Amino acid sequence: MSRPRFLVTGANGFLGTHVLAALQALDIPVWALGRNAPQSVRPEQWLPLEDPGDAPAMQLALEKAQPEVIVHLAGAAVGPLPELYRVNAIYGATLLAAASKVVPAARVVLAGSAAEYGPVEADALPVTEETPHRPRDGYGITKLAQTHHALASLERGQNLVVARLFNFVGPHMPGHLALGAFGRQVAAMPPEGGVLRTGDLSTERDFLSVHAVTQVLLALAKRQDVTGVLNVCSGVPTRLRSLVDELVRQCPFPVEVQEDPGRAGVTSVRRHYGSAERLKSHGIEPPAFDLRTVMAELAVSVRPQRPAP
């Protein structure tokens, strides 16, 4: 039985590295599209793309790979607004347009974000796919723009789904995310330990492991009948303090947490979690968020490498 040919964008990113590894473990032929080649991809299966708005280059890449499934994970969470539009909105729109011409039958899975909803009042939780969109930052606004391009393509007959991802956690998280930043602080500590400085840890978010998100994306890649926007979340709010306490508990040296409630974060939203009922209605349910296992894996990934005595 032949295996579908995959193309993954953002394969060097936090989520992309996990998706790429999962596909390779299944021995699925996969091409990577982007500026830099992932180390685990053979040179002939890397499709270089300098400008995500370069339509001719995008079409040439798709003609070479002839993917049956496209998983679009490329994006940027921080940076100047023009760059966020270029990477989050223009990239997705250009890819969809090229795919509709070169591989019109391809299944397309796009990574959306819970940031597209923006702040939600407590009495409107959990967030459903019908919750009004009120993003307050450039990331949420530009990811929502990508979603609008995707829905327009869906109306024109393209087979696609937008996986609206909530907060996912795992090894090698980027530093712009709170837990990634905390992990970097821990990794820089001396053998005798140190102080972990954080902002307000009383906020509550909807967490999943990066492995669970990877499983959902691959399940959606197979389901030609599932289209539109779907929340990918646990449906359960978890306090950030609980994750930090577990991270500290897993460290092999003492760590003191110094919380500064006035320290600015990327959002002022106190409590935010989603509903996964639409996803579950299609028979796809993310594994439950196992805080201890996930934070143990994160702790190992940031543990300083000490020279042997």
Protein backbone atom coordinates (compact mmCIF):
# COMPACT_ATOMS: atom_id res chain seq x y z
CA MET A 1 0.00 0.00 0.00
CA SER A 2 1.53 3.32 -1.08
CA ARG A 3 2.04 6.02 1.50
CA PRO A 4 0.93 9.61 0.74
CA ARG A 5 3.62 12.14 -0.06
CA PHE A 6 3.77 14.92 2.56
CA LEU A 7 5.11 18.43 2.34
CA VAL A 8 5.77 20.26 5.62
CA THR A 9 6.49 23.97 6.03
CA GLY A 10 8.12 25.25 9.20
CA ALA A 11 9.87 21.91 9.65
CA ASN A 12 12.68 23.56 11.66
CA GLY A 13 10.27 25.08 14.16
CA PHE A 14 9.16 23.83 17.57
CA LEU A 15 6.10 21.98 16.29
CA GLY A 16 7.56 21.26 12.85
CA THR A 17 10.48 19.23 14.19
CA HIS A 18 8.06 16.95 16.05
CA VAL A 19 5.73 16.54 13.05
CA LEU A 20 8.67 15.82 10.75
CA ALA A 21 10.09 13.23 13.16
CA ALA A 22 6.69 11.53 13.49
CA LEU A 23 6.29 11.26 9.72
CA GLN A 24 9.81 9.91 9.29
CA ALA A 25 9.23 7.36 12.05
CA LEU A 26 6.26 6.10 10.03
CA ASP A 27 8.48 5.91 6.93
CA ILE A 28 6.26 8.39 5.11
CA PRO A 29 7.92 10.26 2.22
CA VAL A 30 8.16 13.89 3.29
CA TRP A 31 9.50 17.07 1.71
CA ALA A 32 10.37 20.20 3.66
CA LEU A 33 9.72 23.68 2.27
CA GLY A 34 11.49 26.71 3.71
CA ARG A 35 14.56 28.87 4.00
CA ASN A 36 16.80 26.36 5.77
CA ALA A 37 17.07 22.59 5.31
CA PRO A 38 16.24 20.39 8.32
CA GLN A 39 19.15 18.11 9.16
CA SER A 40 17.01 14.97 8.97
CA VAL A 41 15.78 15.64 5.41
CA ARG A 42 17.75 14.44 2.42
CA PRO A 43 18.98 17.25 0.17
CA GLU A 44 16.73 16.19 -2.71
CA GLN A 45 13.70 16.46 -0.42
CA TRP A 46 14.40 19.99 0.75
CA LEU A 47 12.61 22.69 -1.23
CA PRO A 48 14.34 26.04 -0.64
CA LEU A 49 12.09 29.10 -0.47
CA GLU A 50 13.53 32.49 0.42
CA ASP A 51 10.39 34.60 0.01
CA PRO A 52 7.05 33.15 1.16
CA GLY A 53 5.26 35.54 -1.18
CA ASP A 54 7.14 34.30 -4.27
CA ALA A 55 4.32 32.57 -6.15
CA PRO A 56 6.43 31.20 -9.06
CA ALA A 57 8.98 29.70 -6.64
CA MET A 58 6.18 28.20 -4.58
CA GLN A 59 4.64 26.59 -7.65
CA LEU A 60 7.99 25.17 -8.76
CA ALA A 61 8.51 23.63 -5.31
CA LEU A 62 5.08 21.99 -5.39
CA GLU A 63 5.65 20.73 -8.93
CA LYS A 64 8.83 19.04 -7.74
CA ALA A 65 7.36 17.45 -4.62
CA GLN A 66 3.86 16.67 -5.94
CA PRO A 67 2.54 16.32 -2.38
CA GLU A 68 -0.73 14.62 -1.59
CA VAL A 69 -0.80 16.21 1.86
CA ILE A 70 0.49 19.66 2.83
CA VAL A 71 0.98 20.51 6.51
CA HIS A 72 1.57 24.24 6.85
CA LEU A 73 3.25 25.01 10.17
CA ALA A 74 5.43 27.98 9.22
CA GLY A 75 4.71 31.14 11.15
CA ALA A 76 6.11 33.87 13.38
CA ALA A 77 4.84 34.86 16.82
CA VAL A 78 7.03 37.90 17.43
CA GLY A 79 8.52 40.58 15.23
CA PRO A 80 7.60 43.71 13.30
CA LEU A 81 4.04 43.78 12.01
CA PRO A 82 5.04 43.65 8.29
CA GLU A 83 7.06 40.50 8.98
CA LEU A 84 4.16 38.91 10.84
CA TYR A 85 1.88 39.59 7.87
CA ARG A 86 4.48 38.22 5.47
CA VAL A 87 5.07 34.98 7.36
CA ASN A 88 1.62 34.34 8.82
CA ALA A 89 -0.80 35.64 6.20
CA ILE A 90 1.00 36.02 2.88
CA TYR A 91 2.84 32.70 3.20
CA GLY A 92 -0.39 30.80 3.77
CA ALA A 93 -2.26 32.61 0.99
CA THR A 94 0.55 32.07 -1.51
CA LEU A 95 0.85 28.39 -0.61
CA LEU A 96 -2.89 27.82 -0.97
CA ALA A 97 -3.01 29.56 -4.33
CA ALA A 98 -0.05 27.55 -5.64
CA ALA A 99 -1.50 24.27 -4.34
CA SER A 100 -4.84 24.96 -6.03
CA LYS A 101 -3.02 25.20 -9.37
CA VAL A 102 -0.34 22.52 -9.04
CA VAL A 103 -1.87 19.90 -6.72
CA PRO A 104 -5.59 20.76 -6.53
CA ALA A 105 -6.49 17.41 -4.96
CA ALA A 106 -3.99 17.74 -2.12
CA ARG A 107 -5.22 17.71 1.45
CA VAL A 108 -4.07 20.86 3.29
CA VAL A 109 -3.72 21.16 7.07
CA LEU A 110 -2.95 24.66 8.33
CA ALA A 111 -1.85 25.54 11.87
CA GLY A 112 -4.04 28.27 13.29
CA SER A 113 -3.86 29.73 16.79
CA ALA A 114 -6.09 30.36 19.79
CA ALA A 115 -4.68 33.90 19.64
CA GLU A 116 -7.14 34.49 16.79
CA TYR A 117 -9.93 34.70 19.37
CA GLY A 118 -8.26 37.32 21.53
CA PRO A 119 -9.45 37.96 25.10
CA VAL A 120 -12.69 36.21 26.05
CA GLU A 121 -14.91 37.10 29.00
CA ALA A 122 -15.16 34.49 31.74
CA ASP A 123 -18.84 33.86 31.10
CA ALA A 124 -18.08 33.09 27.42
CA LEU A 125 -15.66 30.25 28.22
CA PRO A 126 -14.86 27.69 26.98
CA VAL A 127 -13.93 29.13 23.60
CA THR A 128 -15.77 27.44 20.72
CA GLU A 129 -15.28 27.81 16.99
CA GLU A 130 -18.28 30.19 17.02
CA THR A 131 -16.70 32.56 19.56
CA PRO A 132 -16.25 36.02 17.96
CA HIS A 133 -12.72 36.88 16.87
CA ARG A 134 -11.21 39.87 18.66
CA PRO A 135 -7.43 39.45 18.43
CA ARG A 136 -5.48 42.24 20.12
CA ASP A 137 -1.94 41.68 18.85
CA GLY A 138 -0.16 41.34 15.54
CA TYR A 139 0.24 37.59 15.89
CA GLY A 140 -3.44 36.90 16.45
CA ILE A 141 -4.50 39.35 13.76
CA THR A 142 -2.20 37.89 11.11
CA LYS A 143 -3.05 34.29 11.98
CA LEU A 144 -6.71 35.19 11.64
CA ALA A 145 -5.91 36.69 8.23
CA GLN A 146 -4.44 33.32 7.23
CA THR A 147 -7.64 31.63 8.38
CA HIS A 148 -9.76 33.97 6.26
CA HIS A 149 -7.64 33.12 3.20
CA ALA A 150 -8.06 29.42 4.02
CA LEU A 151 -11.84 29.67 4.35
CA ALA A 152 -12.03 31.52 1.04
CA SER A 153 -10.02 28.70 -0.56
CA LEU A 154 -12.33 26.16 1.07
CA GLU A 155 -15.32 27.86 -0.55
CA ARG A 156 -13.55 27.54 -3.90
CA GLY A 157 -13.32 23.77 -3.43
CA GLN A 158 -9.90 23.26 -1.84
CA ASN A 159 -9.81 20.43 0.67
CA LEU A 160 -8.43 21.92 3.87
CA VAL A 161 -8.73 22.21 7.62
CA VAL A 162 -7.48 24.90 9.98
CA ALA A 163 -6.28 23.33 13.23
CA ARG A 164 -6.66 26.16 15.73
CA LEU A 165 -3.96 25.24 18.23
CA PHE A 166 -4.07 26.22 21.88
CA ASN A 167 -1.01 26.17 24.17
CA PHE A 168 1.26 23.21 23.49
CA VAL A 169 4.24 22.28 25.62
CA GLY A 170 7.31 20.13 25.08
CA PRO A 171 11.08 19.97 24.75
CA HIS A 172 12.94 22.77 23.00
CA MET A 173 10.19 25.35 23.32
CA PRO A 174 11.13 28.78 21.89
CA GLY A 175 12.10 31.55 24.27
CA HIS A 176 9.18 33.83 23.40
CA LEU A 177 6.88 31.39 25.19
CA ALA A 178 6.79 31.62 28.98
CA LEU A 179 7.80 28.02 29.67
CA GLY A 180 10.50 28.19 27.01
CA ALA A 181 11.91 31.31 28.67
CA PHE A 182 11.78 29.64 32.09
CA GLY A 183 13.55 26.62 30.66
CA ARG A 184 16.35 28.80 29.36
CA GLN A 185 16.77 30.35 32.79
CA VAL A 186 17.07 26.88 34.31
CA ALA A 187 19.57 25.76 31.66
CA ALA A 188 21.82 28.72 32.50
CA MET A 189 21.93 27.96 36.23
CA PRO A 190 25.13 26.76 37.92
CA PRO A 191 25.37 23.27 39.49
CA GLU A 192 24.22 24.61 42.85
CA GLY A 193 20.97 25.90 41.35
CA GLY A 194 19.57 29.40 41.31
CA VAL A 195 16.59 31.72 41.09
CA LEU A 196 13.86 31.42 38.46
CA ARG A 197 12.29 34.82 37.85
CA THR A 198 8.81 34.81 36.42
CA GLY A 199 5.83 37.02 35.84
CA ASP A 200 2.36 36.35 37.22
CA LEU A 201 1.87 32.57 37.43
CA SER A 202 -1.81 32.66 38.41
CA THR A 203 -3.00 32.76 34.78
CA GLU A 204 -4.79 29.69 33.44
CA ARG A 205 -4.37 28.26 29.97
CA ASP A 206 -5.42 25.26 27.92
CA PHE A 207 -2.33 23.04 27.59
CA LEU A 208 -1.52 20.02 25.46
CA SER A 209 1.76 18.22 24.89
CA VAL A 210 3.44 18.87 21.55
CA HIS A 211 3.19 15.11 20.92
CA ALA A 212 -0.59 15.21 21.33
CA VAL A 213 -0.83 18.10 18.87
CA THR A 214 1.34 16.17 16.42
CA GLN A 215 -1.01 13.17 16.67
CA VAL A 216 -4.04 15.36 15.99
CA LEU A 217 -2.43 17.01 12.96
CA LEU A 218 -1.56 13.64 11.44
CA ALA A 219 -5.10 12.39 12.13
CA LEU A 220 -6.52 15.47 10.39
CA ALA A 221 -4.18 14.89 7.45
CA LYS A 222 -5.92 11.56 6.83
CA ARG A 223 -9.47 12.86 7.15
CA GLN A 224 -10.54 14.29 3.81
CA ASP A 225 -14.07 14.66 5.21
CA VAL A 226 -13.07 17.04 8.02
CA THR A 227 -12.87 20.66 6.85
CA GLY A 228 -13.14 24.18 8.21
CA VAL A 229 -11.86 25.36 11.59
CA LEU A 230 -11.35 23.03 14.55
CA ASN A 231 -10.06 23.85 18.02
CA VAL A 232 -7.18 21.60 19.08
CA CYS A 233 -7.18 21.83 22.85
CA SER A 234 -7.67 19.88 26.06
CA GLY A 235 -10.81 21.72 27.16
CA VAL A 236 -9.33 22.05 30.67
CA PRO A 237 -7.74 25.19 32.17
CA THR A 238 -4.47 24.62 34.04
CA ARG A 239 -2.72 27.21 36.16
CA LEU A 240 0.71 28.19 34.90
CA ARG A 241 2.00 27.97 38.46
CA SER A 242 1.30 24.21 38.44
CA LEU A 243 3.57 23.71 35.42
CA VAL A 244 6.36 25.81 36.90
CA ASP A 245 6.17 23.98 40.24
CA GLU A 246 6.48 20.65 38.42
CA LEU A 247 9.39 21.93 36.31
CA VAL A 248 11.19 22.98 39.49
CA ARG A 249 10.42 19.66 41.16
CA GLN A 250 11.99 17.81 38.22
CA CYS A 251 15.22 19.82 38.35
CA PRO A 252 18.25 17.99 39.80
CA PHE A 253 19.30 21.10 41.78
CA PRO A 254 17.42 23.58 43.98
CA VAL A 255 15.49 26.31 42.20
CA GLU A 256 13.80 29.22 43.95
CA VAL A 257 10.86 30.77 42.11
CA GLN A 258 10.57 34.54 42.40
CA GLU A 259 7.23 35.66 41.01
CA ASP A 260 6.70 39.28 40.03
CA PRO A 261 2.99 39.80 39.26
CA GLY A 262 3.81 43.14 37.67
CA ARG A 263 6.25 41.69 35.18
CA ALA A 264 4.85 42.15 31.69
CA GLY A 265 3.92 39.12 29.62
CA VAL A 266 2.74 38.83 26.03
CA THR A 267 -0.92 38.95 27.07
CA SER A 268 -3.09 40.27 29.89
CA VAL A 269 -5.67 37.48 29.52
CA ARG A 270 -6.20 35.83 32.91
CA ARG A 271 -8.09 32.67 31.95
CA HIS A 272 -8.44 31.12 28.52
CA TYR A 273 -9.40 27.61 27.49
CA GLY A 274 -11.22 26.00 24.62
CA SER A 275 -13.83 23.44 23.70
CA ALA A 276 -12.70 20.41 21.71
CA GLU A 277 -16.25 19.13 21.13
CA ARG A 278 -16.18 19.73 17.37
CA LEU A 279 -12.89 17.85 17.05
CA LYS A 280 -14.25 14.99 19.17
CA SER A 281 -17.40 14.83 17.05
CA HIS A 282 -15.15 13.67 14.20
CA GLY A 283 -13.70 10.89 16.33
CA ILE A 284 -10.44 12.72 17.04
CA GLU A 285 -9.59 13.34 20.67
CA PRO A 286 -6.22 14.65 21.89
CA PRO A 287 -4.60 12.62 24.65
CA ALA A 288 -5.21 14.17 28.09
CA PHE A 289 -2.59 16.63 29.30
CA ASP A 290 -0.28 14.71 31.65
CA LEU A 291 1.41 17.57 33.49
CA ARG A 292 4.03 15.47 35.24
CA THR A 293 5.15 13.59 32.12
CA VAL A 294 5.24 16.69 29.94
CA MET A 295 7.20 18.76 32.43
CA ALA A 296 9.63 15.90 33.07
CA GLU A 297 10.41 15.85 29.36
CA LEU A 298 10.82 19.62 29.29
CA ALA A 299 13.09 19.50 32.35
CA VAL A 300 15.36 16.93 30.70
CA SER A 301 15.59 19.01 27.52
CA VAL A 302 16.79 22.10 29.44
CA ARG A 303 19.02 20.32 31.95
CA PRO A 304 22.52 21.79 31.79
CA GLN A 305 25.09 19.44 30.32
CA ARG A 306 27.69 18.99 33.07
CA PRO A 307 31.15 17.66 32.23
CA ALA A 308 31.88 14.23 33.66
CA PRO A 309 33.88 14.36 36.93
